[in-house]
Every structure is written in structure tokens, then in C-alpha cells.
Amino acid sequence: MGTPTRIAVIGVGNEFRRDDGVGWAVLARLRERAARAPLPPGSVHATCDGDPGRLIGLWEDADLAVVVDAAHAHPGTPGRVHRLELDGGLLAQSSTTSSHGLGLGEAVELARALGRLPRRLVVYAVEGADSSLGTGLSPAVAAAVEPLARAVEREIARHRPAAGRPA
């Protein structure tokens, strides 16, 4: 009948820039847990370096896209998580900025212009402490990984009833 609901969970960042790898760390945690709680059919876990074109390709045609990314905030509190949701085609403004040259806001604007926004977009932005070269998250950001993985699972669970409606 209808195509299954597609959910894209995207970890954005660079695992070799310390806290900028938080999105990848959350995706790694979700992949570990996927054996017990797999995503619905047609859904994906993916990592991305933040390139707007790649992000759009990953969330295109998704009913729900959940993006996890590191952010800079001024003033900042390392490990603090901000939840932003696409509302009426606009991403709610926050006092945080992406840790990448082109931010998620630019990817959203480009996707809107191209008609390739997901039906619903939820962004979890984690304030980082250290984006220097190297691996490993700072303690405050590492402590946010498990609660954030659970929050992403709750987003998916809240979305699943809509996926179960008859087509």
C-alpha cells in the first residue's frame, strides 16, 4: 500500500575534533542498542560531516529526521543539550551556533528552497568544551551521550504511532 515511514537519525560532526564528535558518539550508542530496539523498516542511522548537501540527501523524504550536533554557545555550559524543532518551515532560533562553517540553519534554508525538507525535523545541539584536534569527548559532553541517546529513542517512539496508522 503505502511506503513505510522513514526515520533518519543523523550524527553530525568530526570525531577527530574532540567534542565535535558528540553526534557520532550518540549514533554509535544507538547502533549498539539497535539489536534490542531496531528502527522501523526503511529507517537509517547515519553520520555526516555537516555538509548541507549531504545532510539534505540523508533527510530527504523522511517523515522524521533527528539530527545530533555539537554547538558553540556564548556563554556556554559544556554538555548542555538544546532541543530545536522545525516549526512551520523555520528552525527555532537558539543562542547556539553549529561547530561547522556552514550551520544547520543554512542546510534547512537550502532544503526549503529545493523542496527537500523532512516532514518533521528535530535537532539536538550539545554545547561543547573542546574542539581541538584529537579524539575523545570532554567529561561533560561524554556524560550527555547516554541521556541523549535515550532522548532520540523517545523521539522515535513518539513518532511510531503515526507510522502505524493504516495507509
C-alpha atoms as a PDB file:
ATOM      1  CA  MET A   1       0.000   0.000   0.000  1.00  0.00           C
ATOM      2  CA  GLY A   2       1.960   2.984   1.262  1.00  0.00           C
ATOM      3  CA  THR A   3       5.675   3.392   1.716  1.00  0.00           C
ATOM      4  CA  PRO A   4       6.816   2.728   5.274  1.00  0.00           C
ATOM      5  CA  THR A   5       7.554   5.805   7.357  1.00  0.00           C
ATOM      6  CA  ARG A   6      11.203   6.692   7.010  1.00  0.00           C
ATOM      7  CA  ILE A   7      13.121   7.969  10.009  1.00  0.00           C
ATOM      8  CA  ALA A   8      16.614   9.398   9.588  1.00  0.00           C
ATOM      9  CA  VAL A   9      18.821   9.730  12.661  1.00  0.00           C
ATOM     10  CA  ILE A  10      21.914  11.742  11.743  1.00  0.00           C
ATOM     11  CA  GLY A  11      25.002  12.363  13.855  1.00  0.00           C
ATOM     12  CA  VAL A  12      26.831  15.426  12.577  1.00  0.00           C
ATOM     13  CA  GLY A  13      30.424  16.309  13.322  1.00  0.00           C
ATOM     14  CA  ASN A  14      34.025  15.221  13.223  1.00  0.00           C
ATOM     15  CA  GLU A  15      35.144  12.516  15.631  1.00  0.00           C
ATOM     16  CA  PHE A  16      38.737  13.824  15.354  1.00  0.00           C
ATOM     17  CA  ARG A  17      37.820  17.251  16.805  1.00  0.00           C
ATOM     18  CA  ARG A  18      37.049  16.101  20.349  1.00  0.00           C
ATOM     19  CA  ASP A  19      33.576  17.405  21.398  1.00  0.00           C
ATOM     20  CA  ASP A  20      32.606  17.967  17.771  1.00  0.00           C
ATOM     21  CA  GLY A  21      32.298  14.165  17.668  1.00  0.00           C
ATOM     22  CA  VAL A  22      29.313  14.052  20.041  1.00  0.00           C
ATOM     23  CA  GLY A  23      26.858  13.381  17.205  1.00  0.00           C
ATOM     24  CA  TRP A  24      28.940  10.428  16.076  1.00  0.00           C
ATOM     25  CA  ALA A  25      29.195   9.161  19.682  1.00  0.00           C
ATOM     26  CA  VAL A  26      25.414   9.266  20.105  1.00  0.00           C
ATOM     27  CA  LEU A  27      24.976   7.386  16.803  1.00  0.00           C
ATOM     28  CA  ALA A  28      27.487   4.768  17.932  1.00  0.00           C
ATOM     29  CA  ARG A  29      25.489   4.303  21.156  1.00  0.00           C
ATOM     30  CA  LEU A  30      22.225   3.999  19.198  1.00  0.00           C
ATOM     31  CA  ARG A  31      23.783   1.434  16.851  1.00  0.00           C
ATOM     32  CA  GLU A  32      24.881  -0.647  19.853  1.00  0.00           C
ATOM     33  CA  ARG A  33      21.311  -0.600  21.136  1.00  0.00           C
ATOM     34  CA  ALA A  34      19.716  -1.297  17.729  1.00  0.00           C
ATOM     35  CA  ALA A  35      19.851  -5.054  18.304  1.00  0.00           C
ATOM     36  CA  ARG A  36      17.324  -4.636  21.147  1.00  0.00           C
ATOM     37  CA  ALA A  37      15.302  -1.737  19.722  1.00  0.00           C
ATOM     38  CA  PRO A  38      15.728  -1.538  15.949  1.00  0.00           C
ATOM     39  CA  LEU A  39      14.474   1.406  13.961  1.00  0.00           C
ATOM     40  CA  PRO A  40      11.318   0.942  11.878  1.00  0.00           C
ATOM     41  CA  PRO A  41      11.817  -0.512   8.361  1.00  0.00           C
ATOM     42  CA  GLY A  42      13.247   1.921   5.852  1.00  0.00           C
ATOM     43  CA  SER A  43      14.949   3.992   8.554  1.00  0.00           C
ATOM     44  CA  VAL A  44      18.615   4.882   8.801  1.00  0.00           C
ATOM     45  CA  HIS A  45      21.346   5.751  11.276  1.00  0.00           C
ATOM     46  CA  ALA A  46      23.936   7.895   9.508  1.00  0.00           C
ATOM     47  CA  THR A  47      26.913  10.098  10.274  1.00  0.00           C
ATOM     48  CA  CYS A  48      27.695  13.279   8.359  1.00  0.00           C
ATOM     49  CA  ASP A  49      30.407  15.907   8.386  1.00  0.00           C
ATOM     50  CA  GLY A  50      27.825  18.711   8.279  1.00  0.00           C
ATOM     51  CA  ASP A  51      27.935  19.419   4.556  1.00  0.00           C
ATOM     52  CA  PRO A  52      24.476  20.852   3.694  1.00  0.00           C
ATOM     53  CA  GLY A  53      24.161  18.760   0.521  1.00  0.00           C
ATOM     54  CA  ARG A  54      24.918  15.540   2.388  1.00  0.00           C
ATOM     55  CA  LEU A  55      22.522  16.433   5.205  1.00  0.00           C
ATOM     56  CA  ILE A  56      19.731  17.112   2.724  1.00  0.00           C
ATOM     57  CA  GLY A  57      20.417  13.798   0.984  1.00  0.00           C
ATOM     58  CA  LEU A  58      20.157  11.947   4.283  1.00  0.00           C
ATOM     59  CA  TRP A  59      16.896  13.528   5.457  1.00  0.00           C
ATOM     60  CA  GLU A  60      15.184  13.858   2.086  1.00  0.00           C
ATOM     61  CA  ASP A  61      11.827  12.025   2.009  1.00  0.00           C
ATOM     62  CA  ALA A  62      11.974  11.382   5.764  1.00  0.00           C
ATOM     63  CA  ASP A  63       8.850  11.745   7.869  1.00  0.00           C
ATOM     64  CA  LEU A  64      11.121  12.371  10.854  1.00  0.00           C
ATOM     65  CA  ALA A  65      14.748  13.465  10.865  1.00  0.00           C
ATOM     66  CA  VAL A  66      16.596  13.673  14.172  1.00  0.00           C
ATOM     67  CA  VAL A  67      19.954  15.447  13.976  1.00  0.00           C
ATOM     68  CA  VAL A  68      22.541  15.423  16.777  1.00  0.00           C
ATOM     69  CA  ASP A  69      25.313  18.006  16.514  1.00  0.00           C
ATOM     70  CA  ALA A  70      27.831  19.869  18.637  1.00  0.00           C
ATOM     71  CA  ALA A  71      27.258  23.572  19.127  1.00  0.00           C
ATOM     72  CA  HIS A  72      29.014  26.650  20.401  1.00  0.00           C
ATOM     73  CA  ALA A  73      27.109  28.835  22.851  1.00  0.00           C
ATOM     74  CA  HIS A  74      28.044  32.181  24.275  1.00  0.00           C
ATOM     75  CA  PRO A  75      28.226  31.887  27.213  1.00  0.00           C
ATOM     76  CA  GLY A  76      28.391  28.130  27.142  1.00  0.00           C
ATOM     77  CA  THR A  77      27.778  25.259  29.502  1.00  0.00           C
ATOM     78  CA  PRO A  78      29.580  22.168  28.166  1.00  0.00           C
ATOM     79  CA  GLY A  79      27.269  19.186  27.945  1.00  0.00           C
ATOM     80  CA  ARG A  80      24.040  21.237  27.974  1.00  0.00           C
ATOM     81  CA  VAL A  81      21.614  19.963  25.329  1.00  0.00           C
ATOM     82  CA  HIS A  82      19.264  22.166  23.318  1.00  0.00           C
ATOM     83  CA  ARG A  83      16.266  20.649  21.523  1.00  0.00           C
ATOM     84  CA  LEU A  84      15.091  22.545  18.454  1.00  0.00           C
ATOM     85  CA  GLU A  85      12.197  21.552  16.221  1.00  0.00           C
ATOM     86  CA  LEU A  86      11.315  22.704  12.744  1.00  0.00           C
ATOM     87  CA  ASP A  87       8.157  24.723  13.187  1.00  0.00           C
ATOM     88  CA  GLY A  88       6.230  25.855  10.139  1.00  0.00           C
ATOM     89  CA  GLY A  89       9.299  25.534   7.977  1.00  0.00           C
ATOM     90  CA  LEU A  90      11.506  27.580  10.325  1.00  0.00           C
ATOM     91  CA  LEU A  91      14.088  26.217  12.712  1.00  0.00           C
ATOM     92  CA  ALA A  92      13.595  27.791  16.138  1.00  0.00           C
ATOM     93  CA  GLN A  93      16.343  30.282  16.887  1.00  0.00           C
ATOM     94  CA  SER A  94      18.821  29.442  19.593  1.00  0.00           C
ATOM     95  CA  SER A  95      21.773  31.122  21.247  1.00  0.00           C
ATOM     96  CA  THR A  96      23.949  28.305  19.899  1.00  0.00           C
ATOM     97  CA  THR A  97      25.723  28.033  16.570  1.00  0.00           C
ATOM     98  CA  SER A  98      26.926  24.966  14.742  1.00  0.00           C
ATOM     99  CA  SER A  99      30.528  23.971  15.235  1.00  0.00           C
ATOM    100  CA  HIS A 100      30.862  23.786  11.419  1.00  0.00           C
ATOM    101  CA  GLY A 101      31.497  26.594   8.921  1.00  0.00           C
ATOM    102  CA  LEU A 102      28.030  26.292   7.403  1.00  0.00           C
ATOM    103  CA  GLY A 103      25.436  25.634  10.028  1.00  0.00           C
ATOM    104  CA  LEU A 104      22.354  23.529  10.124  1.00  0.00           C
ATOM    105  CA  GLY A 105      20.285  26.670   9.517  1.00  0.00           C
ATOM    106  CA  GLU A 106      21.849  27.033   6.080  1.00  0.00           C
ATOM    107  CA  ALA A 107      21.084  23.381   5.277  1.00  0.00           C
ATOM    108  CA  VAL A 108      17.458  23.944   6.329  1.00  0.00           C
ATOM    109  CA  GLU A 109      17.160  27.052   4.153  1.00  0.00           C
ATOM    110  CA  LEU A 110      18.675  25.269   1.168  1.00  0.00           C
ATOM    111  CA  ALA A 111      16.396  22.250   1.683  1.00  0.00           C
ATOM    112  CA  ARG A 112      13.379  24.559   1.901  1.00  0.00           C
ATOM    113  CA  ALA A 113      14.335  26.273  -1.364  1.00  0.00           C
ATOM    114  CA  LEU A 114      14.740  22.872  -3.032  1.00  0.00           C
ATOM    115  CA  GLY A 115      11.556  21.413  -1.526  1.00  0.00           C
ATOM    116  CA  ARG A 116      13.533  18.731   0.321  1.00  0.00           C
ATOM    117  CA  LEU A 117      12.807  19.326   3.989  1.00  0.00           C
ATOM    118  CA  PRO A 118      11.830  16.341   6.090  1.00  0.00           C
ATOM    119  CA  ARG A 119       8.235  16.381   7.270  1.00  0.00           C
ATOM    120  CA  ARG A 120       9.481  16.909  10.853  1.00  0.00           C
ATOM    121  CA  LEU A 121      12.997  17.892  11.903  1.00  0.00           C
ATOM    122  CA  VAL A 122      14.268  17.698  15.473  1.00  0.00           C
ATOM    123  CA  VAL A 123      17.774  18.896  16.313  1.00  0.00           C
ATOM    124  CA  TYR A 124      19.684  18.134  19.473  1.00  0.00           C
ATOM    125  CA  ALA A 125      22.585  20.584  19.813  1.00  0.00           C
ATOM    126  CA  VAL A 126      25.136  19.802  22.521  1.00  0.00           C
ATOM    127  CA  GLU A 127      27.331  22.594  23.856  1.00  0.00           C
ATOM    128  CA  GLY A 128      30.959  21.569  23.593  1.00  0.00           C
ATOM    129  CA  ALA A 129      34.032  22.468  25.616  1.00  0.00           C
ATOM    130  CA  ASP A 130      36.879  21.377  23.355  1.00  0.00           C
ATOM    131  CA  SER A 131      37.039  21.268  19.567  1.00  0.00           C
ATOM    132  CA  SER A 132      40.801  20.904  19.288  1.00  0.00           C
ATOM    133  CA  LEU A 133      42.364  18.143  17.223  1.00  0.00           C
ATOM    134  CA  GLY A 134      42.207  14.726  18.830  1.00  0.00           C
ATOM    135  CA  THR A 135      39.758  12.051  19.827  1.00  0.00           C
ATOM    136  CA  GLY A 136      37.627  11.649  22.911  1.00  0.00           C
ATOM    137  CA  LEU A 137      34.905  13.818  24.360  1.00  0.00           C
ATOM    138  CA  SER A 138      35.335  16.131  27.331  1.00  0.00           C
ATOM    139  CA  PRO A 139      33.809  14.684  30.521  1.00  0.00           C
ATOM    140  CA  ALA A 140      30.743  16.989  30.465  1.00  0.00           C
ATOM    141  CA  VAL A 141      29.940  16.166  26.839  1.00  0.00           C
ATOM    142  CA  ALA A 142      30.624  12.441  27.314  1.00  0.00           C
ATOM    143  CA  ALA A 143      28.135  12.468  30.200  1.00  0.00           C
ATOM    144  CA  ALA A 144      25.444  13.771  27.817  1.00  0.00           C
ATOM    145  CA  VAL A 145      25.760  10.863  25.337  1.00  0.00           C
ATOM    146  CA  GLU A 146      23.628   8.248  27.128  1.00  0.00           C
ATOM    147  CA  PRO A 147      20.771  10.610  28.106  1.00  0.00           C
ATOM    148  CA  LEU A 148      20.796  11.993  24.585  1.00  0.00           C
ATOM    149  CA  ALA A 149      20.607   8.506  23.034  1.00  0.00           C
ATOM    150  CA  ARG A 150      17.541   7.860  25.232  1.00  0.00           C
ATOM    151  CA  ALA A 151      16.011  11.194  24.144  1.00  0.00           C
ATOM    152  CA  VAL A 152      16.455  10.246  20.474  1.00  0.00           C
ATOM    153  CA  GLU A 153      14.811   6.876  21.141  1.00  0.00           C
ATOM    154  CA  ARG A 154      11.878   8.712  22.766  1.00  0.00           C
ATOM    155  CA  GLU A 155      11.540  10.961  19.681  1.00  0.00           C
ATOM    156  CA  ILE A 156      11.314   7.851  17.523  1.00  0.00           C
ATOM    157  CA  ALA A 157       8.848   6.161  19.885  1.00  0.00           C
ATOM    158  CA  ARG A 158       6.593   9.247  19.849  1.00  0.00           C
ATOM    159  CA  HIS A 159       6.693   9.203  16.066  1.00  0.00           C
ATOM    160  CA  ARG A 160       5.992   5.455  15.683  1.00  0.00           C
ATOM    161  CA  PRO A 161       2.217   5.623  16.382  1.00  0.00           C
ATOM    162  CA  ALA A 162       1.851   7.871  13.329  1.00  0.00           C
ATOM    163  CA  ALA A 163       3.813   5.305  11.321  1.00  0.00           C
ATOM    164  CA  GLY A 164       1.422   2.543  12.426  1.00  0.00           C
ATOM    165  CA  ARG A 165      -1.718   4.193  11.019  1.00  0.00           C
ATOM    166  CA  PRO A 166      -3.200   2.393   8.026  1.00  0.00           C
ATOM    167  CA  ALA A 167      -2.191   3.885   4.690  1.00  0.00           C
END
